């Protein structure tokens, strides 16, 4: 059973989950704004949806945070971070080293 499935039976948990979700929604705007700024700078493809990409980044960041707190090997967290960064729709400008 997921936390969401047990909210009806546990009012306190339900209230806390709502607080966490609201905090995550608020936190979402930071990554989305960063994506939009990177698009304006020409580093991330203009075709990418800043909201969707921001949600992806927030999910990765929260997942890495949770796994780190659970004692996951830092090398695994670094590898996950590198993989997430490779998935970003970077432009040629962003991937070309300056001369």
N, C-alpha and C. Protein backbone atom coordinates (compact mmCIF):
# COMPACT_ATOMS: atom_id res chain seq x y z
N UNK A 1 0.85 -1.17 0.00
CA UNK A 1 0.00 0.00 0.00
C UNK A 1 0.90 1.24 0.00
N UNK A 2 0.55 2.22 -0.82
CA UNK A 2 1.33 3.44 -0.86
C UNK A 2 0.84 4.41 0.21
N UNK A 3 1.65 5.44 0.45
CA UNK A 3 1.25 6.46 1.43
C UNK A 3 -0.06 7.12 1.02
N UNK A 4 -0.23 7.33 -0.28
CA UNK A 4 -1.47 7.97 -0.75
C UNK A 4 -2.68 7.09 -0.50
N UNK A 5 -2.53 5.77 -0.59
CA UNK A 5 -3.64 4.86 -0.40
C UNK A 5 -4.09 4.78 1.06
N UNK A 6 -3.23 5.10 1.98
CA UNK A 6 -3.61 5.00 3.39
C UNK A 6 -4.02 6.34 3.99
N UNK A 7 -4.13 7.39 3.18
CA UNK A 7 -4.46 8.71 3.73
C UNK A 7 -5.85 8.76 4.32
N UNK A 8 -6.81 8.04 3.78
CA UNK A 8 -8.16 8.07 4.33
C UNK A 8 -8.21 7.53 5.74
N UNK A 9 -7.38 6.57 6.05
CA UNK A 9 -7.38 5.94 7.37
C UNK A 9 -6.52 6.71 8.37
N UNK A 10 -5.68 7.54 7.91
CA UNK A 10 -4.75 8.24 8.80
C UNK A 10 -4.77 9.74 8.52
N UNK A 11 -5.63 10.45 9.23
CA UNK A 11 -5.80 11.87 8.98
C UNK A 11 -4.52 12.67 9.18
N UNK A 12 -3.75 12.33 10.20
CA UNK A 12 -2.51 13.07 10.44
C UNK A 12 -1.54 12.87 9.28
N UNK A 13 -1.43 11.64 8.81
CA UNK A 13 -0.55 11.36 7.68
C UNK A 13 -1.04 12.10 6.45
N UNK A 14 -2.34 12.12 6.26
CA UNK A 14 -2.92 12.81 5.12
C UNK A 14 -2.55 14.29 5.15
N UNK A 15 -2.70 14.91 6.31
CA UNK A 15 -2.36 16.32 6.44
C UNK A 15 -0.89 16.57 6.17
N UNK A 16 -0.04 15.71 6.69
CA UNK A 16 1.41 15.86 6.49
C UNK A 16 1.76 15.67 5.01
N UNK A 17 1.14 14.69 4.38
CA UNK A 17 1.41 14.48 2.96
C UNK A 17 1.01 15.69 2.13
N UNK A 18 -0.10 16.30 2.48
CA UNK A 18 -0.52 17.51 1.77
C UNK A 18 0.52 18.62 1.95
N UNK A 19 1.08 18.76 3.14
CA UNK A 19 2.12 19.77 3.38
C UNK A 19 3.35 19.49 2.52
N UNK A 20 3.74 18.23 2.48
CA UNK A 20 4.92 17.84 1.71
C UNK A 20 4.69 18.11 0.23
N UNK A 21 3.51 17.74 -0.26
CA UNK A 21 3.21 17.96 -1.68
C UNK A 21 3.21 19.45 -1.99
N UNK A 22 2.63 20.26 -1.13
CA UNK A 22 2.63 21.71 -1.36
C UNK A 22 4.07 22.24 -1.39
N UNK A 23 4.90 21.74 -0.49
CA UNK A 23 6.30 22.18 -0.47
C UNK A 23 7.01 21.74 -1.75
N UNK A 24 6.72 20.53 -2.22
CA UNK A 24 7.33 20.06 -3.46
C UNK A 24 6.85 20.87 -4.66
N UNK A 25 5.57 21.21 -4.67
CA UNK A 25 5.05 22.03 -5.77
C UNK A 25 5.74 23.39 -5.77
N UNK A 26 5.93 23.96 -4.59
CA UNK A 26 6.63 25.24 -4.49
C UNK A 26 8.09 25.07 -4.93
N UNK A 27 8.71 23.98 -4.52
CA UNK A 27 10.11 23.73 -4.89
C UNK A 27 10.26 23.50 -6.39
N UNK A 28 9.21 23.01 -7.02
CA UNK A 28 9.22 22.73 -8.45
C UNK A 28 9.55 23.98 -9.26
N UNK A 29 9.07 25.13 -8.82
CA UNK A 29 9.26 26.34 -9.60
C UNK A 29 10.72 26.74 -9.72
N UNK A 30 11.55 26.40 -8.75
CA UNK A 30 12.98 26.71 -8.85
C UNK A 30 13.63 26.00 -10.03
N UNK A 31 13.52 24.66 -10.14
CA UNK A 31 14.10 23.98 -11.29
C UNK A 31 13.48 24.42 -12.61
N UNK A 32 12.18 24.66 -12.65
CA UNK A 32 11.53 25.09 -13.89
C UNK A 32 12.06 26.45 -14.32
N UNK A 33 12.26 27.34 -13.36
CA UNK A 33 12.82 28.66 -13.69
C UNK A 33 14.27 28.54 -14.16
N UNK A 34 15.01 27.62 -13.57
CA UNK A 34 16.40 27.41 -14.00
C UNK A 34 16.44 26.88 -15.43
N UNK A 35 15.51 25.98 -15.76
CA UNK A 35 15.45 25.45 -17.13
C UNK A 35 15.12 26.59 -18.10
N UNK A 36 14.13 27.39 -17.75
CA UNK A 36 13.75 28.51 -18.62
C UNK A 36 14.92 29.48 -18.82
N UNK A 37 15.67 29.73 -17.76
CA UNK A 37 16.84 30.61 -17.88
C UNK A 37 17.90 29.98 -18.78
N UNK A 38 18.10 28.68 -18.66
CA UNK A 38 19.07 27.98 -19.52
C UNK A 38 18.61 28.00 -20.97
N UNK A 39 17.30 27.94 -21.19
CA UNK A 39 16.78 28.05 -22.55
C UNK A 39 17.06 29.44 -23.12
N UNK A 40 16.81 30.47 -22.32
CA UNK A 40 17.06 31.84 -22.78
C UNK A 40 18.55 32.05 -23.09
N UNK A 41 19.41 31.36 -22.34
CA UNK A 41 20.85 31.47 -22.57
C UNK A 41 21.31 30.61 -23.74
N UNK A 42 20.41 29.77 -24.26
CA UNK A 42 20.75 28.93 -25.39
C UNK A 42 21.42 27.62 -25.03
N UNK A 43 21.34 27.22 -23.76
CA UNK A 43 22.00 25.99 -23.31
C UNK A 43 21.09 24.77 -23.35
N UNK A 44 19.79 24.96 -23.21
CA UNK A 44 18.82 23.87 -23.27
C UNK A 44 17.89 24.13 -24.43
N UNK A 45 17.56 23.08 -25.14
CA UNK A 45 16.70 23.18 -26.32
C UNK A 45 15.42 23.96 -26.03
N UNK A 46 15.09 24.85 -26.93
CA UNK A 46 13.86 25.64 -26.79
C UNK A 46 12.62 24.76 -26.90
N UNK A 47 12.75 23.57 -27.47
CA UNK A 47 11.62 22.65 -27.62
C UNK A 47 11.24 21.98 -26.30
N UNK A 48 12.13 21.99 -25.33
CA UNK A 48 11.86 21.33 -24.05
C UNK A 48 10.83 22.14 -23.26
N UNK A 49 9.96 21.44 -22.57
CA UNK A 49 8.97 22.08 -21.71
C UNK A 49 9.63 22.35 -20.36
N UNK A 50 9.79 23.62 -19.97
CA UNK A 50 10.47 23.91 -18.71
C UNK A 50 9.78 23.29 -17.50
N UNK A 51 8.45 23.24 -17.53
CA UNK A 51 7.72 22.64 -16.41
C UNK A 51 8.00 21.15 -16.29
N UNK A 52 7.96 20.47 -17.42
CA UNK A 52 8.20 19.02 -17.39
C UNK A 52 9.65 18.72 -17.01
N UNK A 53 10.56 19.46 -17.59
CA UNK A 53 11.97 19.24 -17.29
C UNK A 53 12.28 19.62 -15.85
N UNK A 54 11.65 20.68 -15.37
CA UNK A 54 11.81 21.06 -13.96
C UNK A 54 11.30 19.99 -13.03
N UNK A 55 10.15 19.40 -13.37
CA UNK A 55 9.60 18.30 -12.55
C UNK A 55 10.53 17.10 -12.55
N UNK A 56 11.12 16.81 -13.70
CA UNK A 56 12.08 15.72 -13.80
C UNK A 56 13.28 15.99 -12.88
N UNK A 57 13.82 17.21 -12.96
CA UNK A 57 14.98 17.55 -12.14
C UNK A 57 14.65 17.50 -10.65
N UNK A 58 13.48 17.99 -10.29
CA UNK A 58 13.06 17.94 -8.88
C UNK A 58 12.94 16.49 -8.42
N UNK A 59 12.37 15.64 -9.26
CA UNK A 59 12.23 14.22 -8.91
C UNK A 59 13.59 13.57 -8.70
N UNK A 60 14.52 13.86 -9.59
CA UNK A 60 15.87 13.31 -9.46
C UNK A 60 16.53 13.83 -8.18
N UNK A 61 16.41 15.14 -7.94
CA UNK A 61 17.04 15.72 -6.74
C UNK A 61 16.45 15.13 -5.46
N UNK A 62 15.12 15.01 -5.40
CA UNK A 62 14.48 14.44 -4.20
C UNK A 62 14.83 12.97 -4.03
N UNK A 63 14.90 12.26 -5.14
CA UNK A 63 15.27 10.84 -5.06
C UNK A 63 16.68 10.65 -4.56
N UNK A 64 17.60 11.45 -5.08
CA UNK A 64 18.99 11.37 -4.63
C UNK A 64 19.09 11.75 -3.15
N UNK A 65 18.34 12.77 -2.77
CA UNK A 65 18.33 13.19 -1.35
C UNK A 65 17.85 12.04 -0.46
N UNK A 66 16.74 11.41 -0.85
CA UNK A 66 16.18 10.31 -0.04
C UNK A 66 17.13 9.12 0.02
N UNK A 67 17.70 8.77 -1.12
CA UNK A 67 18.62 7.64 -1.15
C UNK A 67 19.89 7.94 -0.36
N UNK A 68 20.35 9.17 -0.41
CA UNK A 68 21.51 9.55 0.38
C UNK A 68 21.25 9.41 1.87
N UNK A 69 20.06 9.85 2.30
CA UNK A 69 19.70 9.73 3.71
C UNK A 69 19.57 8.26 4.12
N UNK A 70 19.23 7.42 3.15
CA UNK A 70 19.07 5.98 3.45
C UNK A 70 20.40 5.25 3.44
N UNK A 71 21.48 5.96 3.13
CA UNK A 71 22.80 5.34 3.19
C UNK A 71 23.30 4.74 1.89
N UNK A 72 22.69 5.12 0.77
CA UNK A 72 23.15 4.61 -0.52
C UNK A 72 24.58 5.05 -0.79
N UNK A 73 25.33 4.17 -1.39
CA UNK A 73 26.72 4.45 -1.73
C UNK A 73 26.79 5.74 -2.56
N UNK A 74 27.60 6.71 -2.12
CA UNK A 74 27.71 7.97 -2.86
C UNK A 74 28.10 7.77 -4.33
N UNK A 75 28.85 6.74 -4.64
CA UNK A 75 29.23 6.49 -6.05
C UNK A 75 27.99 6.21 -6.90
N UNK A 76 27.01 5.51 -6.32
CA UNK A 76 25.76 5.23 -7.04
C UNK A 76 24.98 6.53 -7.25
N UNK A 77 24.98 7.38 -6.25
CA UNK A 77 24.27 8.67 -6.37
C UNK A 77 24.95 9.55 -7.40
N UNK A 78 26.27 9.54 -7.43
CA UNK A 78 27.00 10.30 -8.45
C UNK A 78 26.67 9.80 -9.85
N UNK A 79 26.61 8.47 -10.00
CA UNK A 79 26.29 7.89 -11.31
C UNK A 79 24.87 8.27 -11.74
N UNK A 80 23.94 8.25 -10.80
CA UNK A 80 22.56 8.65 -11.12
C UNK A 80 22.51 10.12 -11.52
N UNK A 81 23.27 10.95 -10.83
CA UNK A 81 23.32 12.37 -11.17
C UNK A 81 23.88 12.57 -12.57
N UNK A 82 24.97 11.90 -12.87
CA UNK A 82 25.57 12.02 -14.21
C UNK A 82 24.61 11.54 -15.29
N UNK A 83 23.88 10.48 -15.02
CA UNK A 83 22.91 9.98 -16.00
C UNK A 83 21.81 11.00 -16.22
N UNK A 84 21.30 11.58 -15.16
CA UNK A 84 20.24 12.59 -15.29
C UNK A 84 20.75 13.78 -16.10
N UNK A 85 21.98 14.20 -15.85
CA UNK A 85 22.53 15.34 -16.60
C UNK A 85 22.69 15.01 -18.08
N UNK A 86 23.05 13.75 -18.39
CA UNK A 86 23.19 13.35 -19.79
C UNK A 86 21.83 13.31 -20.50
N UNK A 87 20.75 13.19 -19.75
CA UNK A 87 19.42 13.15 -20.34
C UNK A 87 18.87 14.53 -20.69
N UNK A 88 19.51 15.58 -20.19
CA UNK A 88 19.04 16.93 -20.49
C UNK A 88 19.20 17.25 -21.97
N UNK A 89 18.21 17.91 -22.55
CA UNK A 89 18.28 18.25 -23.98
C UNK A 89 19.17 19.49 -24.21
N UNK A 90 20.46 19.29 -24.07
CA UNK A 90 21.41 20.40 -24.23
C UNK A 90 21.56 20.74 -25.70
N UNK A 91 21.83 22.00 -25.95
CA UNK A 91 22.10 22.46 -27.31
C UNK A 91 23.56 22.21 -27.64
N UNK A 92 23.87 22.35 -28.91
CA UNK A 92 25.27 22.22 -29.34
C UNK A 92 26.13 23.26 -28.65
N UNK A 93 25.56 24.45 -28.50
CA UNK A 93 26.28 25.55 -27.81
C UNK A 93 26.71 25.09 -26.42
N UNK A 94 25.83 24.39 -25.70
CA UNK A 94 26.13 23.97 -24.32
C UNK A 94 27.15 22.84 -24.26
N UNK A 95 27.26 22.08 -25.32
CA UNK A 95 28.14 20.91 -25.28
C UNK A 95 29.48 21.15 -25.99
N UNK A 96 29.64 22.32 -26.57
CA UNK A 96 30.88 22.66 -27.28
C UNK A 96 31.77 23.47 -26.37
N UNK A 97 32.97 22.99 -26.18
CA UNK A 97 33.93 23.72 -25.34
C UNK A 97 34.36 25.00 -26.03
N UNK A 98 34.50 26.08 -25.27
CA UNK A 98 34.95 27.34 -25.87
C UNK A 98 36.37 27.20 -26.42
N UNK A 99 36.63 27.89 -27.49
CA UNK A 99 37.96 27.80 -28.13
C UNK A 99 38.99 28.59 -27.39
